[in-house]
Amino acid sequence: MAPEFGKPIHQLPLIPANVLKKHRVHEPLDTRFRSAARLLQALWRTDRGLPIGSYVNEDGKRRKLGSRISQAAGRAGGNFLTPEIAQTARRETAYREIGALIDAERLATNLLSSMPLTFNLLAPWGHSLERASSYLIELLPTFTGAAHQLLFEHSPGRGNPKFTADHTR
Protein backbone atom coordinates (compact mmCIF):
# COMPACT_ATOMS: atom_id res chain seq x y z
CA MET A 1 0.00 0.00 0.00
CA ALA A 2 1.32 3.45 -0.95
CA PRO A 3 1.92 5.99 1.81
CA GLU A 4 -0.79 8.58 2.32
CA PHE A 5 -0.13 12.04 0.89
CA GLY A 6 1.36 14.32 3.51
CA LYS A 7 2.37 11.48 5.83
CA PRO A 8 6.09 10.95 6.43
CA ILE A 9 7.77 7.99 4.80
CA HIS A 10 9.95 6.21 7.33
CA GLN A 11 11.80 3.97 4.92
CA LEU A 12 13.42 4.49 1.55
CA PRO A 13 11.98 2.67 -1.43
CA LEU A 14 13.53 -0.52 -2.73
CA ILE A 15 14.62 0.46 -6.20
CA PRO A 16 14.55 -2.47 -8.60
CA ALA A 17 17.94 -3.50 -10.00
CA ASN A 18 16.69 -3.04 -13.59
CA VAL A 19 15.93 0.64 -12.86
CA LEU A 20 19.37 1.15 -11.31
CA LYS A 21 21.02 -0.61 -14.26
CA LYS A 22 19.06 1.49 -16.78
CA HIS A 23 20.55 4.64 -15.22
CA ARG A 24 24.03 3.10 -14.81
CA VAL A 25 23.96 3.31 -11.00
CA HIS A 26 23.62 -0.34 -9.99
CA GLU A 27 26.22 -0.95 -7.31
CA PRO A 28 25.38 -4.21 -5.49
CA LEU A 29 27.12 -3.17 -2.25
CA ASP A 30 25.26 0.14 -1.97
CA THR A 31 22.89 0.65 0.94
CA ARG A 32 19.28 1.48 0.23
CA PHE A 33 20.00 5.14 0.95
CA ARG A 34 23.05 5.26 -1.30
CA SER A 35 21.18 3.54 -4.16
CA ALA A 36 18.39 6.10 -3.93
CA ALA A 37 20.87 8.99 -3.72
CA ARG A 38 22.92 7.64 -6.64
CA LEU A 39 19.77 7.30 -8.77
CA LEU A 40 18.63 10.84 -7.91
CA GLN A 41 22.05 12.18 -8.88
CA ALA A 42 21.95 10.30 -12.20
CA LEU A 43 18.53 11.77 -12.93
CA TRP A 44 19.80 15.25 -11.99
CA ARG A 45 22.79 14.78 -14.33
CA THR A 46 20.54 13.62 -17.17
CA ASP A 47 18.10 16.53 -16.68
CA ARG A 48 20.98 18.96 -17.08
CA GLY A 49 22.43 17.23 -20.13
CA LEU A 50 25.73 16.48 -18.39
CA PRO A 51 27.67 13.57 -19.90
CA ILE A 52 28.13 10.46 -17.78
CA GLY A 53 31.46 10.03 -16.05
CA SER A 54 33.48 7.04 -14.95
CA TYR A 55 35.69 5.74 -12.20
CA VAL A 56 38.34 3.06 -11.76
CA ASN A 57 37.01 0.06 -9.81
CA GLU A 58 38.93 -2.21 -7.43
CA ASP A 59 40.05 -4.36 -10.38
CA GLY A 60 41.70 -1.34 -12.01
CA LYS A 61 39.06 -1.19 -14.75
CA ARG A 62 37.43 2.08 -15.74
CA ARG A 63 33.65 1.93 -15.87
CA LYS A 64 30.87 4.42 -16.41
CA LEU A 65 28.76 5.42 -13.44
CA GLY A 66 25.60 7.52 -13.64
CA SER A 67 26.37 9.45 -10.45
CA ARG A 68 29.54 10.87 -12.01
CA ILE A 69 30.00 13.48 -14.69
CA SER A 70 32.71 13.48 -17.34
CA GLN A 71 36.07 15.15 -16.75
CA ALA A 72 35.19 17.83 -19.32
CA ALA A 73 31.86 18.56 -17.63
CA GLY A 74 33.68 18.70 -14.29
CA ARG A 75 36.26 21.17 -15.62
CA ALA A 76 33.37 23.30 -16.91
CA GLY A 77 31.85 23.44 -13.40
CA GLY A 78 29.00 20.99 -13.99
CA ASN A 79 29.06 19.71 -10.40
CA PHE A 80 28.11 23.14 -9.05
CA LEU A 81 24.82 25.00 -8.95
CA THR A 82 26.17 28.29 -10.36
CA PRO A 83 29.26 29.48 -12.24
CA GLU A 84 30.18 31.60 -9.19
CA ILE A 85 30.23 28.54 -6.94
CA ALA A 86 32.36 26.66 -9.51
CA GLN A 87 34.80 29.60 -9.56
CA THR A 88 34.99 29.59 -5.76
CA ALA A 89 35.71 25.83 -5.77
CA ARG A 90 38.47 26.28 -8.39
CA ARG A 91 40.04 29.14 -6.43
CA GLU A 92 39.88 27.27 -3.10
CA THR A 93 41.41 24.18 -4.72
CA ALA A 94 44.25 26.18 -6.27
CA TYR A 95 45.02 28.07 -3.06
CA ARG A 96 44.30 25.33 -0.52
CA GLU A 97 46.48 24.99 2.54
CA ILE A 98 49.11 22.29 2.73
CA GLY A 99 47.35 19.22 4.07
CA ALA A 100 43.85 20.37 3.11
CA LEU A 101 41.75 17.37 2.13
CA ILE A 102 40.42 18.53 -1.24
CA ASP A 103 40.44 15.87 -3.96
CA ALA A 104 40.13 17.94 -7.15
CA GLU A 105 38.77 15.10 -9.32
CA ARG A 106 36.19 14.02 -6.76
CA LEU A 107 35.16 17.63 -6.21
CA ALA A 108 34.66 18.16 -9.95
CA THR A 109 33.08 14.88 -11.07
CA ASN A 110 31.53 12.89 -8.20
CA LEU A 111 27.90 13.94 -7.76
CA LEU A 112 27.63 12.05 -4.44
CA SER A 113 30.67 13.59 -2.81
CA SER A 114 30.24 15.85 0.21
CA MET A 115 32.91 18.18 -1.20
CA PRO A 116 30.79 19.76 -3.96
CA LEU A 117 27.81 19.69 -1.59
CA THR A 118 29.80 21.82 0.85
CA PHE A 119 30.70 24.35 -1.83
CA ASN A 120 27.16 24.42 -3.23
CA LEU A 121 25.77 25.06 0.24
CA LEU A 122 28.33 27.43 1.70
CA ALA A 123 30.13 29.25 -1.13
CA PRO A 124 27.21 31.66 -1.63
CA TRP A 125 27.76 32.80 1.98
CA GLY A 126 31.24 33.95 0.98
CA HIS A 127 29.79 35.88 -1.96
CA SER A 128 27.76 37.99 0.49
CA LEU A 129 29.34 38.23 3.92
CA GLU A 130 26.44 40.38 5.12
CA ARG A 131 24.04 37.58 4.24
CA ALA A 132 26.41 35.04 5.84
CA SER A 133 26.36 37.07 9.06
CA SER A 134 22.55 37.12 9.09
CA TYR A 135 22.48 33.32 8.52
CA LEU A 136 24.90 32.79 11.39
CA ILE A 137 22.81 34.98 13.69
CA GLU A 138 19.71 32.98 12.79
CA LEU A 139 21.45 29.62 13.21
CA LEU A 140 23.43 30.58 16.31
CA PRO A 141 21.44 33.13 18.32
CA THR A 142 24.41 33.85 20.58
CA PHE A 143 26.56 34.84 17.58
CA THR A 144 27.01 38.59 17.80
CA GLY A 145 29.87 39.18 15.39
CA ALA A 146 30.06 39.50 11.66
CA ALA A 147 31.49 37.16 9.04
CA HIS A 148 34.71 38.56 7.59
CA GLN A 149 35.69 35.76 5.25
CA LEU A 150 34.80 32.18 4.37
CA LEU A 151 37.57 29.60 4.23
CA PHE A 152 37.30 25.98 3.10
CA GLU A 153 39.49 23.22 4.57
CA HIS A 154 41.19 25.74 6.84
CA SER A 155 42.70 25.01 10.22
CA PRO A 156 44.77 27.56 12.12
CA GLY A 157 46.38 24.64 14.00
CA ARG A 158 47.32 22.55 10.97
CA GLY A 159 50.84 21.18 11.42
CA ASN A 160 51.10 22.45 14.98
CA PRO A 161 53.03 19.98 17.18
CA LYS A 162 50.55 20.65 20.02
CA PHE A 163 47.99 18.81 17.91
CA THR A 164 48.89 16.07 15.43
CA ALA A 165 51.81 17.87 13.68
CA ASP A 166 50.84 16.03 10.50
CA HIS A 167 48.82 18.79 8.81
CA THR A 168 45.51 16.95 9.27
CA ARG A 169 44.00 19.17 11.95
C-alpha atoms as a PDB file:
ATOM      1  CA  MET A   1       0.000   0.000   0.000  1.00  0.00           C
ATOM      2  CA  ALA A   2       1.319   3.451  -0.953  1.00  0.00           C
ATOM      3  CA  PRO A   3       1.924   5.993   1.809  1.00  0.00           C
ATOM      4  CA  GLU A   4      -0.788   8.579   2.320  1.00  0.00           C
ATOM      5  CA  PHE A   5      -0.128  12.040   0.889  1.00  0.00           C
ATOM      6  CA  GLY A   6       1.362  14.325   3.509  1.00  0.00           C
ATOM      7  CA  LYS A   7       2.370  11.482   5.833  1.00  0.00           C
ATOM      8  CA  PRO A   8       6.093  10.955   6.434  1.00  0.00           C
ATOM      9  CA  ILE A   9       7.766   7.986   4.804  1.00  0.00           C
ATOM     10  CA  HIS A  10       9.948   6.211   7.332  1.00  0.00           C
ATOM     11  CA  GLN A  11      11.800   3.968   4.925  1.00  0.00           C
ATOM     12  CA  LEU A  12      13.416   4.486   1.554  1.00  0.00           C
ATOM     13  CA  PRO A  13      11.979   2.673  -1.432  1.00  0.00           C
ATOM     14  CA  LEU A  14      13.525  -0.521  -2.729  1.00  0.00           C
ATOM     15  CA  ILE A  15      14.617   0.464  -6.199  1.00  0.00           C
ATOM     16  CA  PRO A  16      14.551  -2.473  -8.600  1.00  0.00           C
ATOM     17  CA  ALA A  17      17.936  -3.497 -10.001  1.00  0.00           C
ATOM     18  CA  ASN A  18      16.692  -3.043 -13.590  1.00  0.00           C
ATOM     19  CA  VAL A  19      15.931   0.641 -12.859  1.00  0.00           C
ATOM     20  CA  LEU A  20      19.367   1.152 -11.309  1.00  0.00           C
ATOM     21  CA  LYS A  21      21.025  -0.610 -14.257  1.00  0.00           C
ATOM     22  CA  LYS A  22      19.060   1.488 -16.778  1.00  0.00           C
ATOM     23  CA  HIS A  23      20.552   4.641 -15.221  1.00  0.00           C
ATOM     24  CA  ARG A  24      24.031   3.100 -14.810  1.00  0.00           C
ATOM     25  CA  VAL A  25      23.957   3.309 -11.004  1.00  0.00           C
ATOM     26  CA  HIS A  26      23.615  -0.344  -9.990  1.00  0.00           C
ATOM     27  CA  GLU A  27      26.215  -0.951  -7.306  1.00  0.00           C
ATOM     28  CA  PRO A  28      25.384  -4.213  -5.494  1.00  0.00           C
ATOM     29  CA  LEU A  29      27.121  -3.172  -2.246  1.00  0.00           C
ATOM     30  CA  ASP A  30      25.256   0.140  -1.970  1.00  0.00           C
ATOM     31  CA  THR A  31      22.893   0.649   0.938  1.00  0.00           C
ATOM     32  CA  ARG A  32      19.284   1.481   0.228  1.00  0.00           C
ATOM     33  CA  PHE A  33      20.000   5.145   0.948  1.00  0.00           C
ATOM     34  CA  ARG A  34      23.050   5.256  -1.297  1.00  0.00           C
ATOM     35  CA  SER A  35      21.177   3.541  -4.156  1.00  0.00           C
ATOM     36  CA  ALA A  36      18.390   6.101  -3.934  1.00  0.00           C
ATOM     37  CA  ALA A  37      20.870   8.994  -3.725  1.00  0.00           C
ATOM     38  CA  ARG A  38      22.917   7.643  -6.641  1.00  0.00           C
ATOM     39  CA  LEU A  39      19.767   7.303  -8.769  1.00  0.00           C
ATOM     40  CA  LEU A  40      18.627  10.841  -7.913  1.00  0.00           C
ATOM     41  CA  GLN A  41      22.051  12.182  -8.884  1.00  0.00           C
ATOM     42  CA  ALA A  42      21.955  10.297 -12.199  1.00  0.00           C
ATOM     43  CA  LEU A  43      18.526  11.765 -12.927  1.00  0.00           C
ATOM     44  CA  TRP A  44      19.798  15.248 -11.992  1.00  0.00           C
ATOM     45  CA  ARG A  45      22.791  14.776 -14.328  1.00  0.00           C
ATOM     46  CA  THR A  46      20.540  13.621 -17.170  1.00  0.00           C
ATOM     47  CA  ASP A  47      18.100  16.527 -16.675  1.00  0.00           C
ATOM     48  CA  ARG A  48      20.978  18.964 -17.084  1.00  0.00           C
ATOM     49  CA  GLY A  49      22.427  17.233 -20.126  1.00  0.00           C
ATOM     50  CA  LEU A  50      25.726  16.477 -18.391  1.00  0.00           C
ATOM     51  CA  PRO A  51      27.675  13.569 -19.897  1.00  0.00           C
ATOM     52  CA  ILE A  52      28.133  10.464 -17.780  1.00  0.00           C
ATOM     53  CA  GLY A  53      31.462  10.025 -16.053  1.00  0.00           C
ATOM     54  CA  SER A  54      33.479   7.038 -14.951  1.00  0.00           C
ATOM     55  CA  TYR A  55      35.691   5.736 -12.200  1.00  0.00           C
ATOM     56  CA  VAL A  56      38.342   3.062 -11.760  1.00  0.00           C
ATOM     57  CA  ASN A  57      37.008   0.064  -9.806  1.00  0.00           C
ATOM     58  CA  GLU A  58      38.932  -2.206  -7.427  1.00  0.00           C
ATOM     59  CA  ASP A  59      40.054  -4.361 -10.377  1.00  0.00           C
ATOM     60  CA  GLY A  60      41.700  -1.342 -12.006  1.00  0.00           C
ATOM     61  CA  LYS A  61      39.055  -1.191 -14.753  1.00  0.00           C
ATOM     62  CA  ARG A  62      37.427   2.078 -15.738  1.00  0.00           C
ATOM     63  CA  ARG A  63      33.650   1.927 -15.874  1.00  0.00           C
ATOM     64  CA  LYS A  64      30.871   4.425 -16.412  1.00  0.00           C
ATOM     65  CA  LEU A  65      28.762   5.423 -13.437  1.00  0.00           C
ATOM     66  CA  GLY A  66      25.596   7.518 -13.638  1.00  0.00           C
ATOM     67  CA  SER A  67      26.367   9.446 -10.446  1.00  0.00           C
ATOM     68  CA  ARG A  68      29.535  10.866 -12.008  1.00  0.00           C
ATOM     69  CA  ILE A  69      30.005  13.482 -14.692  1.00  0.00           C
ATOM     70  CA  SER A  70      32.707  13.480 -17.337  1.00  0.00           C
ATOM     71  CA  GLN A  71      36.072  15.147 -16.754  1.00  0.00           C
ATOM     72  CA  ALA A  72      35.194  17.830 -19.321  1.00  0.00           C
ATOM     73  CA  ALA A  73      31.861  18.558 -17.626  1.00  0.00           C
ATOM     74  CA  GLY A  74      33.680  18.702 -14.286  1.00  0.00           C
ATOM     75  CA  ARG A  75      36.264  21.170 -15.620  1.00  0.00           C
ATOM     76  CA  ALA A  76      33.365  23.300 -16.912  1.00  0.00           C
ATOM     77  CA  GLY A  77      31.851  23.437 -13.404  1.00  0.00           C
ATOM     78  CA  GLY A  78      28.995  20.987 -13.993  1.00  0.00           C
ATOM     79  CA  ASN A  79      29.062  19.713 -10.402  1.00  0.00           C
ATOM     80  CA  PHE A  80      28.107  23.142  -9.054  1.00  0.00           C
ATOM     81  CA  LEU A  81      24.819  25.005  -8.951  1.00  0.00           C
ATOM     82  CA  THR A  82      26.165  28.287 -10.363  1.00  0.00           C
ATOM     83  CA  PRO A  83      29.264  29.478 -12.238  1.00  0.00           C
ATOM     84  CA  GLU A  84      30.178  31.597  -9.192  1.00  0.00           C
ATOM     85  CA  ILE A  85      30.234  28.536  -6.944  1.00  0.00           C
ATOM     86  CA  ALA A  86      32.359  26.664  -9.506  1.00  0.00           C
ATOM     87  CA  GLN A  87      34.801  29.596  -9.557  1.00  0.00           C
ATOM     88  CA  THR A  88      34.995  29.588  -5.757  1.00  0.00           C
ATOM     89  CA  ALA A  89      35.714  25.835  -5.770  1.00  0.00           C
ATOM     90  CA  ARG A  90      38.466  26.277  -8.392  1.00  0.00           C
ATOM     91  CA  ARG A  91      40.038  29.138  -6.433  1.00  0.00           C
ATOM     92  CA  GLU A  92      39.877  27.273  -3.101  1.00  0.00           C
ATOM     93  CA  THR A  93      41.406  24.175  -4.723  1.00  0.00           C
ATOM     94  CA  ALA A  94      44.255  26.176  -6.265  1.00  0.00           C
ATOM     95  CA  TYR A  95      45.020  28.074  -3.056  1.00  0.00           C
ATOM     96  CA  ARG A  96      44.298  25.332  -0.516  1.00  0.00           C
ATOM     97  CA  GLU A  97      46.479  24.994   2.537  1.00  0.00           C
ATOM     98  CA  ILE A  98      49.108  22.286   2.734  1.00  0.00           C
ATOM     99  CA  GLY A  99      47.355  19.217   4.071  1.00  0.00           C
ATOM    100  CA  ALA A 100      43.851  20.369   3.108  1.00  0.00           C
ATOM    101  CA  LEU A 101      41.749  17.368   2.125  1.00  0.00           C
ATOM    102  CA  ILE A 102      40.416  18.534  -1.243  1.00  0.00           C
ATOM    103  CA  ASP A 103      40.440  15.872  -3.956  1.00  0.00           C
ATOM    104  CA  ALA A 104      40.126  17.940  -7.149  1.00  0.00           C
ATOM    105  CA  GLU A 105      38.771  15.098  -9.317  1.00  0.00           C
ATOM    106  CA  ARG A 106      36.190  14.019  -6.765  1.00  0.00           C
ATOM    107  CA  LEU A 107      35.160  17.632  -6.215  1.00  0.00           C
ATOM    108  CA  ALA A 108      34.656  18.163  -9.948  1.00  0.00           C
ATOM    109  CA  THR A 109      33.082  14.880 -11.066  1.00  0.00           C
ATOM    110  CA  ASN A 110      31.528  12.893  -8.198  1.00  0.00           C
ATOM    111  CA  LEU A 111      27.903  13.942  -7.764  1.00  0.00           C
ATOM    112  CA  LEU A 112      27.625  12.049  -4.445  1.00  0.00           C
ATOM    113  CA  SER A 113      30.669  13.591  -2.810  1.00  0.00           C
ATOM    114  CA  SER A 114      30.243  15.845   0.206  1.00  0.00           C
ATOM    115  CA  MET A 115      32.909  18.175  -1.196  1.00  0.00           C
ATOM    116  CA  PRO A 116      30.787  19.758  -3.961  1.00  0.00           C
ATOM    117  CA  LEU A 117      27.807  19.687  -1.587  1.00  0.00           C
ATOM    118  CA  THR A 118      29.796  21.824   0.853  1.00  0.00           C
ATOM    119  CA  PHE A 119      30.704  24.349  -1.833  1.00  0.00           C
ATOM    120  CA  ASN A 120      27.160  24.422  -3.228  1.00  0.00           C
ATOM    121  CA  LEU A 121      25.765  25.057   0.239  1.00  0.00           C
ATOM    122  CA  LEU A 122      28.331  27.433   1.704  1.00  0.00           C
ATOM    123  CA  ALA A 123      30.133  29.246  -1.131  1.00  0.00           C
ATOM    124  CA  PRO A 124      27.207  31.664  -1.631  1.00  0.00           C
ATOM    125  CA  TRP A 125      27.762  32.795   1.980  1.00  0.00           C
ATOM    126  CA  GLY A 126      31.241  33.952   0.978  1.00  0.00           C
ATOM    127  CA  HIS A 127      29.792  35.881  -1.962  1.00  0.00           C
ATOM    128  CA  SER A 128      27.757  37.991   0.487  1.00  0.00           C
ATOM    129  CA  LEU A 129      29.340  38.233   3.922  1.00  0.00           C
ATOM    130  CA  GLU A 130      26.445  40.385   5.123  1.00  0.00           C
ATOM    131  CA  ARG A 131      24.040  37.578   4.242  1.00  0.00           C
ATOM    132  CA  ALA A 132      26.411  35.045   5.836  1.00  0.00           C
ATOM    133  CA  SER A 133      26.358  37.067   9.056  1.00  0.00           C
ATOM    134  CA  SER A 134      22.552  37.117   9.089  1.00  0.00           C
ATOM    135  CA  TYR A 135      22.478  33.317   8.522  1.00  0.00           C
ATOM    136  CA  LEU A 136      24.902  32.786  11.390  1.00  0.00           C
ATOM    137  CA  ILE A 137      22.814  34.984  13.688  1.00  0.00           C
ATOM    138  CA  GLU A 138      19.711  32.984  12.785  1.00  0.00           C
ATOM    139  CA  LEU A 139      21.447  29.616  13.213  1.00  0.00           C
ATOM    140  CA  LEU A 140      23.427  30.578  16.311  1.00  0.00           C
ATOM    141  CA  PRO A 141      21.442  33.129  18.319  1.00  0.00           C
ATOM    142  CA  THR A 142      24.407  33.846  20.584  1.00  0.00           C
ATOM    143  CA  PHE A 143      26.562  34.835  17.579  1.00  0.00           C
ATOM    144  CA  THR A 144      27.009  38.593  17.803  1.00  0.00           C
ATOM    145  CA  GLY A 145      29.873  39.184  15.394  1.00  0.00           C
ATOM    146  CA  ALA A 146      30.061  39.502  11.658  1.00  0.00           C
ATOM    147  CA  ALA A 147      31.493  37.158   9.041  1.00  0.00           C
ATOM    148  CA  HIS A 148      34.712  38.564   7.594  1.00  0.00           C
ATOM    149  CA  GLN A 149      35.687  35.756   5.246  1.00  0.00           C
ATOM    150  CA  LEU A 150      34.796  32.181   4.367  1.00  0.00           C
ATOM    151  CA  LEU A 151      37.574  29.605   4.225  1.00  0.00           C
ATOM    152  CA  PHE A 152      37.303  25.983   3.101  1.00  0.00           C
ATOM    153  CA  GLU A 153      39.492  23.224   4.567  1.00  0.00           C
ATOM    154  CA  HIS A 154      41.190  25.742   6.843  1.00  0.00           C
ATOM    155  CA  SER A 155      42.703  25.015  10.218  1.00  0.00           C
ATOM    156  CA  PRO A 156      44.774  27.557  12.122  1.00  0.00           C
ATOM    157  CA  GLY A 157      46.375  24.644  14.004  1.00  0.00           C
ATOM    158  CA  ARG A 158      47.316  22.554  10.965  1.00  0.00           C
ATOM    159  CA  GLY A 159      50.836  21.180  11.421  1.00  0.00           C
ATOM    160  CA  ASN A 160      51.095  22.454  14.978  1.00  0.00           C
ATOM    161  CA  PRO A 161      53.026  19.976  17.179  1.00  0.00           C
ATOM    162  CA  LYS A 162      50.547  20.655  20.019  1.00  0.00           C
ATOM    163  CA  PHE A 163      47.987  18.805  17.915  1.00  0.00           C
ATOM    164  CA  THR A 164      48.892  16.070  15.431  1.00  0.00           C
ATOM    165  CA  ALA A 165      51.807  17.869  13.675  1.00  0.00           C
ATOM    166  CA  ASP A 166      50.844  16.025  10.495  1.00  0.00           C
ATOM    167  CA  HIS A 167      48.824  18.793   8.805  1.00  0.00           C
ATOM    168  CA  THR A 168      45.509  16.947   9.274  1.00  0.00           C
ATOM    169  CA  ARG A 169      43.999  19.168  11.946  1.00  0.00           C
END
